[in-house]
Amino acid sequence: MKFEYYNPTRLIFAAGALARLGEVASQHGKRALLVTGGGSVKRSGVFDRAVASLKLAGVSTVECSGVEPNPRITTVRRGARIARDEGCDVIIALGGGSTMDAAKVMAAAFYYDGDPWDMIYHGQPKPYVPTRALPVITVPTLAATGSEMNMGSVISNEETKEKSFVQAKCLYPVIALVDPELTMSVPQDQTAYGICDIITHVTEGYFNGVDGTPIQDRFAEGVILTAMEYGLKALEDGTNLDARAQVQWASIVALNGWVNAGTNGGFPVHMIEHTLSAYHDITHGAGLSVVNPAWMRFAARHRPEKFVQFAQRIFGLKGKGPDDLACAMEGIDRFEGFLRSTGCDPPVRAEDWGRAYDTICQ
């Protein structure tokens, strides 16, 4: 193995941690752009609690609301403009993965005179890689993307029907303030899609990485088993704080670089889903619940030994050997069955997803 690991984000993880937002934000700025989504943080009272904490610490706020589930580049442009016009010196993402992704690119766009779409990899000869950004503090209200503690962001362009990513060191949040109490009001369907997203982040490196990474394999398997066990508990009782906390922690470690360190894994499932949701604008986790099992059935025929290992260690199946394709396929069936048991059924526009599913399976 040969790799480097770097993650400068300070993580504060505790029930009730939202009360510390003003304290930690005041260390990085005095005027914050609060980036929010569709309004759930206001309906739940989280927004008012956040503003109160900031005000108590002497941090004034201005809001950029309405970030979409698949965040649009138009919203990023709007947020960066608000931050500049209002003289903001720190950005706080209060919401799910889309809110955090949008906030990161807004932070970099603050210092960029060009179009922030230049930062998003979409086939251009020379993408603009940002080197400077306003400090970003992430306060996740959903366990799913792990964006609270990494340097990546995924943004959509509704005009061109493209959805892609940017990665840059300056996009690492300075602080991830993680309060699992904030996830207890997440509805069942979004909880289920989040569980699928967490597991897919891990399986991307697990199945697509290099050989000779036994510790990373065990890390990955531990995250998958934890997400499955405690995910079901969270679905059964959304107010189960311990279950919510374990799922939230699984979400963070699944994509903060630690589990996949040294695996050199690709992300084909995410790339396929990005294309599909760019056209059909469905929830990312819902798309993954369709794409990942279909892709796994295709890939298992080319690398059965890793899928046999998955079937044995995750579902306790007994294979006849490392090339036992039947065992590998049964493990995938069990995995898909788990996803369906959580409520991860294909989303609306069934005719579109039927064609997509058939294409992926070929």
Protein backbone atom coordinates (compact mmCIF):
# COMPACT_ATOMS: atom_id res chain seq x y z
CA MET A 1 0.00 0.00 0.00
CA LYS A 2 1.09 3.53 -0.74
CA PHE A 3 -1.02 6.57 0.08
CA GLU A 4 -1.28 9.91 1.85
CA TYR A 5 -4.08 10.85 4.21
CA TYR A 6 -5.05 14.43 4.97
CA ASN A 7 -8.15 15.87 6.57
CA PRO A 8 -7.90 19.22 8.41
CA THR A 9 -11.58 19.48 9.38
CA ARG A 10 -12.18 19.82 13.11
CA LEU A 11 -15.02 17.51 14.10
CA ILE A 12 -17.32 18.29 17.02
CA PHE A 13 -19.73 15.38 17.48
CA ALA A 14 -22.28 15.42 20.30
CA ALA A 15 -25.97 15.55 20.98
CA GLY A 16 -26.79 19.19 21.71
CA ALA A 17 -23.71 20.48 19.88
CA LEU A 18 -25.80 23.03 17.97
CA ALA A 19 -25.67 25.25 21.05
CA ARG A 20 -21.93 25.69 20.39
CA LEU A 21 -22.39 27.09 16.88
CA GLY A 22 -21.89 30.71 17.89
CA GLU A 23 -18.84 29.85 19.97
CA VAL A 24 -17.03 28.08 17.14
CA ALA A 25 -18.22 30.35 14.34
CA SER A 26 -16.97 33.46 16.12
CA GLN A 27 -13.45 32.04 15.86
CA HIS A 28 -13.66 32.33 12.06
CA GLY A 29 -15.83 35.35 11.32
CA LYS A 30 -18.31 37.95 12.46
CA ARG A 31 -20.84 37.91 9.60
CA ALA A 32 -22.12 34.57 8.44
CA LEU A 33 -23.94 33.48 5.32
CA LEU A 34 -26.41 30.83 6.50
CA VAL A 35 -27.06 28.41 3.65
CA THR A 36 -30.29 26.43 3.98
CA GLY A 37 -32.50 24.15 1.92
CA GLY A 38 -36.22 23.86 1.45
CA GLY A 39 -37.37 25.05 4.85
CA SER A 40 -37.29 22.02 7.15
CA VAL A 41 -34.71 23.68 9.42
CA LYS A 42 -37.17 26.50 10.02
CA ARG A 43 -40.16 24.26 10.59
CA SER A 44 -38.18 22.23 13.14
CA GLY A 45 -36.86 25.29 14.97
CA VAL A 46 -33.23 24.45 14.18
CA PHE A 47 -32.75 27.66 12.20
CA ASP A 48 -33.91 29.89 15.06
CA ARG A 49 -31.71 28.02 17.52
CA ALA A 50 -28.71 28.44 15.23
CA VAL A 51 -29.32 32.16 14.74
CA ALA A 52 -29.77 32.65 18.49
CA SER A 53 -26.46 30.92 19.23
CA LEU A 54 -24.68 33.04 16.62
CA LYS A 55 -26.23 36.27 17.85
CA LEU A 56 -25.20 35.50 21.42
CA ALA A 57 -21.60 35.15 20.21
CA GLY A 58 -21.72 38.41 18.26
CA VAL A 59 -22.01 36.84 14.81
CA SER A 60 -24.54 38.53 12.52
CA THR A 61 -26.26 36.53 9.79
CA VAL A 62 -27.70 36.79 6.30
CA GLU A 63 -29.46 33.86 4.65
CA CYS A 64 -29.25 32.08 1.32
CA SER A 65 -32.25 29.74 1.35
CA GLY A 66 -33.81 27.37 -1.14
CA VAL A 67 -30.89 25.10 -2.03
CA GLU A 68 -32.34 22.28 -4.12
CA PRO A 69 -31.96 18.52 -3.42
CA ASN A 70 -29.61 18.40 -6.42
CA PRO A 71 -27.98 21.81 -5.87
CA ARG A 72 -28.00 24.04 -8.93
CA ILE A 73 -25.16 26.17 -10.19
CA THR A 74 -27.63 29.06 -10.37
CA THR A 75 -28.11 28.79 -6.60
CA VAL A 76 -24.35 28.70 -6.08
CA ARG A 77 -24.01 31.90 -8.10
CA ARG A 78 -26.76 33.53 -6.05
CA GLY A 79 -25.18 32.53 -2.75
CA ALA A 80 -21.74 33.79 -3.72
CA ARG A 81 -23.26 37.09 -4.79
CA ILE A 82 -25.10 37.47 -1.47
CA ALA A 83 -21.91 36.70 0.46
CA ARG A 84 -19.97 39.36 -1.44
CA ASP A 85 -22.71 42.00 -1.30
CA GLU A 86 -23.27 41.46 2.42
CA GLY A 87 -19.59 41.34 3.39
CA CYS A 88 -19.71 37.83 4.82
CA ASP A 89 -16.52 36.33 6.20
CA VAL A 90 -17.75 32.82 7.08
CA ILE A 91 -20.31 30.46 5.55
CA ILE A 92 -22.45 28.07 7.59
CA ALA A 93 -24.21 25.19 5.86
CA LEU A 94 -27.28 24.19 7.85
CA GLY A 95 -28.94 21.22 6.20
CA GLY A 96 -28.27 18.07 4.20
CA GLY A 97 -25.61 17.15 1.68
CA SER A 98 -26.93 19.45 -1.03
CA THR A 99 -26.77 22.45 1.28
CA MET A 100 -23.23 21.59 2.32
CA ASP A 101 -22.08 21.01 -1.26
CA ALA A 102 -23.55 24.31 -2.43
CA ALA A 103 -22.01 26.18 0.51
CA LYS A 104 -18.52 24.89 -0.30
CA VAL A 105 -18.62 26.11 -3.89
CA MET A 106 -20.16 29.42 -2.81
CA ALA A 107 -17.19 29.82 -0.47
CA ALA A 108 -14.72 29.34 -3.33
CA ALA A 109 -16.78 31.42 -5.77
CA PHE A 110 -16.59 34.33 -3.32
CA TYR A 111 -12.97 34.86 -4.44
CA TYR A 112 -13.42 33.95 -8.11
CA ASP A 113 -14.29 36.53 -10.75
CA GLY A 114 -15.40 33.94 -13.30
CA ASP A 115 -18.34 31.58 -13.45
CA PRO A 116 -18.25 29.00 -10.61
CA TRP A 117 -19.34 26.36 -13.14
CA ASP A 118 -15.72 26.56 -14.32
CA MET A 119 -14.80 24.70 -11.10
CA ILE A 120 -17.06 21.74 -11.80
CA TYR A 121 -15.50 19.00 -13.95
CA HIS A 122 -17.70 18.63 -17.02
CA GLY A 123 -15.27 17.93 -19.84
CA GLN A 124 -13.72 21.38 -20.18
CA PRO A 125 -10.02 21.41 -21.22
CA LYS A 126 -8.84 23.39 -18.19
CA PRO A 127 -11.12 23.24 -15.16
CA TYR A 128 -10.55 25.99 -12.63
CA VAL A 129 -9.28 24.42 -9.42
CA PRO A 130 -9.94 26.82 -6.54
CA THR A 131 -7.15 27.46 -4.05
CA ARG A 132 -8.95 29.87 -1.74
CA ALA A 133 -12.35 29.89 -0.07
CA LEU A 134 -14.18 31.48 2.82
CA PRO A 135 -14.16 29.28 5.93
CA VAL A 136 -17.10 26.87 5.88
CA ILE A 137 -18.78 25.37 8.93
CA THR A 138 -21.05 22.41 8.23
CA VAL A 139 -24.01 21.56 10.45
CA PRO A 140 -25.63 18.45 8.92
CA THR A 141 -29.28 17.70 9.56
CA LEU A 142 -29.24 14.44 7.59
CA ALA A 143 -26.94 11.40 7.70
CA ALA A 144 -26.13 10.56 4.09
CA THR A 145 -23.46 12.23 2.00
CA GLY A 146 -20.60 12.70 4.44
CA SER A 147 -20.01 16.11 2.86
CA GLU A 148 -19.57 17.65 6.29
CA MET A 149 -15.97 16.45 6.51
CA ASN A 150 -14.51 16.21 3.02
CA MET A 151 -13.24 18.40 0.19
CA GLY A 152 -15.78 17.38 -2.44
CA SER A 153 -18.91 18.96 -3.81
CA VAL A 154 -21.45 17.84 -6.43
CA ILE A 155 -23.36 20.50 -8.39
CA SER A 156 -25.94 20.30 -11.19
CA ASN A 157 -26.44 22.50 -14.22
CA GLU A 158 -30.14 22.50 -15.04
CA GLU A 159 -29.60 24.13 -18.45
CA THR A 160 -27.12 21.57 -19.78
CA LYS A 161 -28.47 18.58 -17.79
CA GLU A 162 -25.04 17.94 -16.29
CA LYS A 163 -24.20 16.92 -12.74
CA SER A 164 -20.58 16.64 -11.67
CA PHE A 165 -18.08 17.41 -8.95
CA VAL A 166 -15.17 19.50 -7.77
CA GLN A 167 -12.48 18.54 -5.29
CA ALA A 168 -10.02 20.99 -3.77
CA LYS A 169 -8.22 21.28 -0.45
CA CYS A 170 -9.65 24.73 0.19
CA LEU A 171 -13.15 23.20 0.24
CA TYR A 172 -12.51 21.24 3.43
CA PRO A 173 -14.82 22.71 6.08
CA VAL A 174 -12.93 24.27 8.95
CA ILE A 175 -15.42 22.72 11.39
CA ALA A 176 -18.03 20.01 11.15
CA LEU A 177 -20.46 20.62 13.99
CA VAL A 178 -22.39 17.36 14.13
CA ASP A 179 -25.42 17.09 16.38
CA PRO A 180 -27.29 13.79 15.82
CA GLU A 181 -30.35 15.26 17.55
CA LEU A 182 -30.90 17.32 14.39
CA THR A 183 -31.53 14.15 12.37
CA MET A 184 -34.35 12.83 14.55
CA SER A 185 -37.01 14.67 12.54
CA VAL A 186 -35.83 13.27 9.19
CA PRO A 187 -38.71 11.34 7.55
CA GLN A 188 -38.43 7.63 6.89
CA ASP A 189 -37.91 7.82 3.14
CA GLN A 190 -35.02 10.29 3.44
CA THR A 191 -33.52 8.24 6.28
CA ALA A 192 -33.63 5.17 4.04
CA TYR A 193 -32.07 6.96 1.08
CA GLY A 194 -29.35 8.26 3.39
CA ILE A 195 -28.53 4.73 4.55
CA CYS A 196 -28.19 3.65 0.92
CA ASP A 197 -25.91 6.60 0.17
CA ILE A 198 -23.67 5.77 3.15
CA ILE A 199 -23.28 2.14 2.12
CA THR A 200 -22.64 3.03 -1.52
CA HIS A 201 -19.82 5.40 -0.57
CA VAL A 202 -18.13 2.44 1.10
CA THR A 203 -18.82 -0.18 -1.57
CA GLU A 204 -17.37 2.10 -4.26
CA GLY A 205 -13.87 1.67 -2.82
CA TYR A 206 -14.49 -1.85 -1.53
CA PHE A 207 -15.35 -3.26 -4.96
CA ASN A 208 -13.39 -0.87 -7.16
CA GLY A 209 -10.14 -0.53 -5.25
CA VAL A 210 -6.86 -2.37 -5.35
CA ASP A 211 -6.05 -5.70 -3.73
CA GLY A 212 -4.06 -6.04 -0.51
CA THR A 213 -6.13 -3.71 1.71
CA PRO A 214 -7.41 -6.05 4.45
CA ILE A 215 -7.68 -3.34 7.11
CA GLN A 216 -9.67 -1.08 4.80
CA ASP A 217 -11.91 -4.03 3.91
CA ARG A 218 -12.67 -4.55 7.59
CA PHE A 219 -13.29 -0.84 8.08
CA ALA A 220 -15.69 -0.87 5.15
CA GLU A 221 -17.51 -3.95 6.35
CA GLY A 222 -17.85 -2.45 9.81
CA VAL A 223 -19.43 0.71 8.40
CA ILE A 224 -21.82 -1.33 6.23
CA LEU A 225 -22.92 -3.58 9.11
CA THR A 226 -23.34 -0.59 11.43
CA ALA A 227 -25.36 1.36 8.86
CA MET A 228 -27.59 -1.65 8.31
CA GLU A 229 -28.12 -2.50 11.98
CA TYR A 230 -28.63 0.98 13.34
CA GLY A 231 -30.31 2.21 10.18
CA LEU A 232 -33.12 -0.24 10.74
CA LYS A 233 -33.39 0.92 14.35
CA ALA A 234 -33.61 4.54 13.23
CA LEU A 235 -36.31 3.63 10.73
CA GLU A 236 -38.26 1.78 13.40
CA ASP A 237 -38.04 4.68 15.83
CA GLY A 238 -36.88 8.00 14.43
CA THR A 239 -36.41 9.39 17.96
CA ASN A 240 -33.87 6.71 18.88
CA LEU A 241 -30.92 9.03 19.49
CA ASP A 242 -28.33 6.25 19.78
CA ALA A 243 -29.40 4.81 16.41
CA ARG A 244 -29.34 8.25 14.81
CA ALA A 245 -25.87 8.93 16.26
CA GLN A 246 -24.42 5.66 14.96
CA VAL A 247 -25.82 6.25 11.47
CA GLN A 248 -24.48 9.81 11.53
CA TRP A 249 -21.00 8.62 12.49
CA ALA A 250 -21.14 5.94 9.78
CA SER A 251 -21.99 8.67 7.28
CA ILE A 252 -18.97 10.73 8.27
CA VAL A 253 -16.35 7.98 8.23
CA ALA A 254 -17.73 6.54 4.99
CA LEU A 255 -16.51 9.56 3.03
CA ASN A 256 -13.97 11.52 5.07
CA GLY A 257 -11.17 9.61 3.36
CA TRP A 258 -10.35 7.19 6.16
CA VAL A 259 -12.21 4.03 5.09
CA ASN A 260 -11.05 4.35 1.48
CA ALA A 261 -7.47 5.39 2.24
CA GLY A 262 -5.10 3.38 0.07
CA THR A 263 -7.81 1.69 -2.00
CA ASN A 264 -7.54 4.01 -5.01
CA GLY A 265 -11.17 3.27 -5.69
CA GLY A 266 -13.23 4.68 -8.51
CA PHE A 267 -16.84 5.77 -8.19
CA PRO A 268 -18.66 4.33 -11.23
CA VAL A 269 -21.98 3.90 -9.42
CA HIS A 270 -22.04 7.55 -8.42
CA MET A 271 -21.07 8.68 -11.91
CA ILE A 272 -23.92 6.68 -13.43
CA GLU A 273 -26.38 8.02 -10.87
CA HIS A 274 -25.22 11.60 -11.41
CA THR A 275 -26.13 11.31 -15.07
CA LEU A 276 -29.53 9.82 -14.31
CA SER A 277 -30.47 12.36 -11.63
CA ALA A 278 -29.17 15.21 -13.79
CA TYR A 279 -31.89 14.31 -16.28
CA HIS A 280 -34.63 13.14 -13.93
CA ASP A 281 -33.90 15.23 -10.79
CA ILE A 282 -34.59 12.48 -8.28
CA THR A 283 -33.14 12.02 -4.80
CA HIS A 284 -29.52 10.88 -5.00
CA GLY A 285 -29.95 8.00 -2.54
CA ALA A 286 -33.03 6.79 -4.40
CA GLY A 287 -31.03 6.65 -7.61
CA LEU A 288 -28.23 4.77 -5.92
CA SER A 289 -30.68 2.17 -4.61
CA VAL A 290 -31.48 1.32 -8.22
CA VAL A 291 -28.02 1.68 -9.75
CA ASN A 292 -25.79 0.01 -7.15
CA PRO A 293 -27.35 -3.51 -7.09
CA ALA A 294 -27.62 -3.47 -10.89
CA TRP A 295 -23.98 -2.45 -11.25
CA MET A 296 -22.92 -5.06 -8.67
CA ARG A 297 -24.52 -7.85 -10.72
CA PHE A 298 -22.56 -6.69 -13.74
CA ALA A 299 -19.25 -6.27 -11.90
CA ALA A 300 -19.46 -9.55 -9.95
CA ARG A 301 -18.98 -11.48 -13.18
CA HIS A 302 -15.60 -9.79 -13.64
CA ARG A 303 -14.33 -9.87 -10.05
CA PRO A 304 -16.33 -12.49 -8.19
CA GLU A 305 -13.88 -12.98 -5.30
CA LYS A 306 -14.62 -9.57 -3.72
CA PHE A 307 -18.35 -10.08 -4.05
CA VAL A 308 -18.06 -13.53 -2.48
CA GLN A 309 -16.20 -11.93 0.42
CA PHE A 310 -19.00 -9.36 0.71
CA ALA A 311 -21.64 -12.11 0.75
CA GLN A 312 -19.78 -14.09 3.40
CA ARG A 313 -18.84 -11.26 5.75
CA ILE A 314 -21.97 -9.13 5.48
CA PHE A 315 -24.67 -11.80 5.14
CA GLY A 316 -22.93 -14.89 6.54
CA LEU A 317 -23.27 -16.92 3.34
CA LYS A 318 -21.06 -19.96 2.69
CA GLY A 319 -19.29 -19.89 -0.64
CA LYS A 320 -17.65 -22.84 -2.34
CA GLY A 321 -14.60 -20.75 -3.14
CA PRO A 322 -13.48 -17.26 -4.14
CA ASP A 323 -14.95 -17.68 -7.63
CA ASP A 324 -18.39 -18.88 -6.48
CA LEU A 325 -20.51 -16.58 -8.62
CA ALA A 326 -23.75 -18.05 -7.27
CA CYS A 327 -22.72 -17.03 -3.74
CA ALA A 328 -21.76 -13.57 -4.97
CA MET A 329 -25.13 -13.12 -6.67
CA GLU A 330 -27.03 -14.30 -3.60
CA GLY A 331 -25.16 -11.72 -1.53
CA ILE A 332 -26.24 -9.02 -3.98
CA ASP A 333 -29.82 -10.27 -3.80
CA ARG A 334 -29.68 -10.07 0.00
CA PHE A 335 -28.29 -6.53 -0.22
CA GLU A 336 -31.00 -5.41 -2.59
CA GLY A 337 -33.56 -7.04 -0.32
CA PHE A 338 -32.20 -5.03 2.58
CA LEU A 339 -32.51 -1.79 0.62
CA ARG A 340 -36.11 -2.61 -0.30
CA SER A 341 -36.88 -3.42 3.34
CA THR A 342 -35.86 0.11 4.31
CA GLY A 343 -38.23 1.65 1.78
CA CYS A 344 -35.66 2.35 -0.94
CA ASP A 345 -38.03 1.63 -3.80
CA PRO A 346 -37.48 3.18 -7.21
CA PRO A 347 -38.79 6.76 -7.21
CA VAL A 348 -41.35 8.43 -9.43
CA ARG A 349 -41.17 8.39 -13.23
CA ALA A 350 -41.16 4.60 -13.17
CA GLU A 351 -41.05 4.42 -16.96
CA ASP A 352 -37.75 6.34 -17.02
CA TRP A 353 -36.25 4.22 -14.27
CA GLY A 354 -37.43 1.00 -15.90
CA ARG A 355 -35.46 1.86 -19.02
CA ALA A 356 -32.46 2.99 -16.97
CA TYR A 357 -32.51 -0.19 -14.88
CA ASP A 358 -32.66 -2.39 -17.99
CA THR A 359 -29.76 -0.50 -19.54
CA ILE A 360 -27.56 -0.84 -16.44
CA CYS A 361 -28.29 -4.56 -16.13
CA GLN A 362 -27.25 -5.35 -19.71
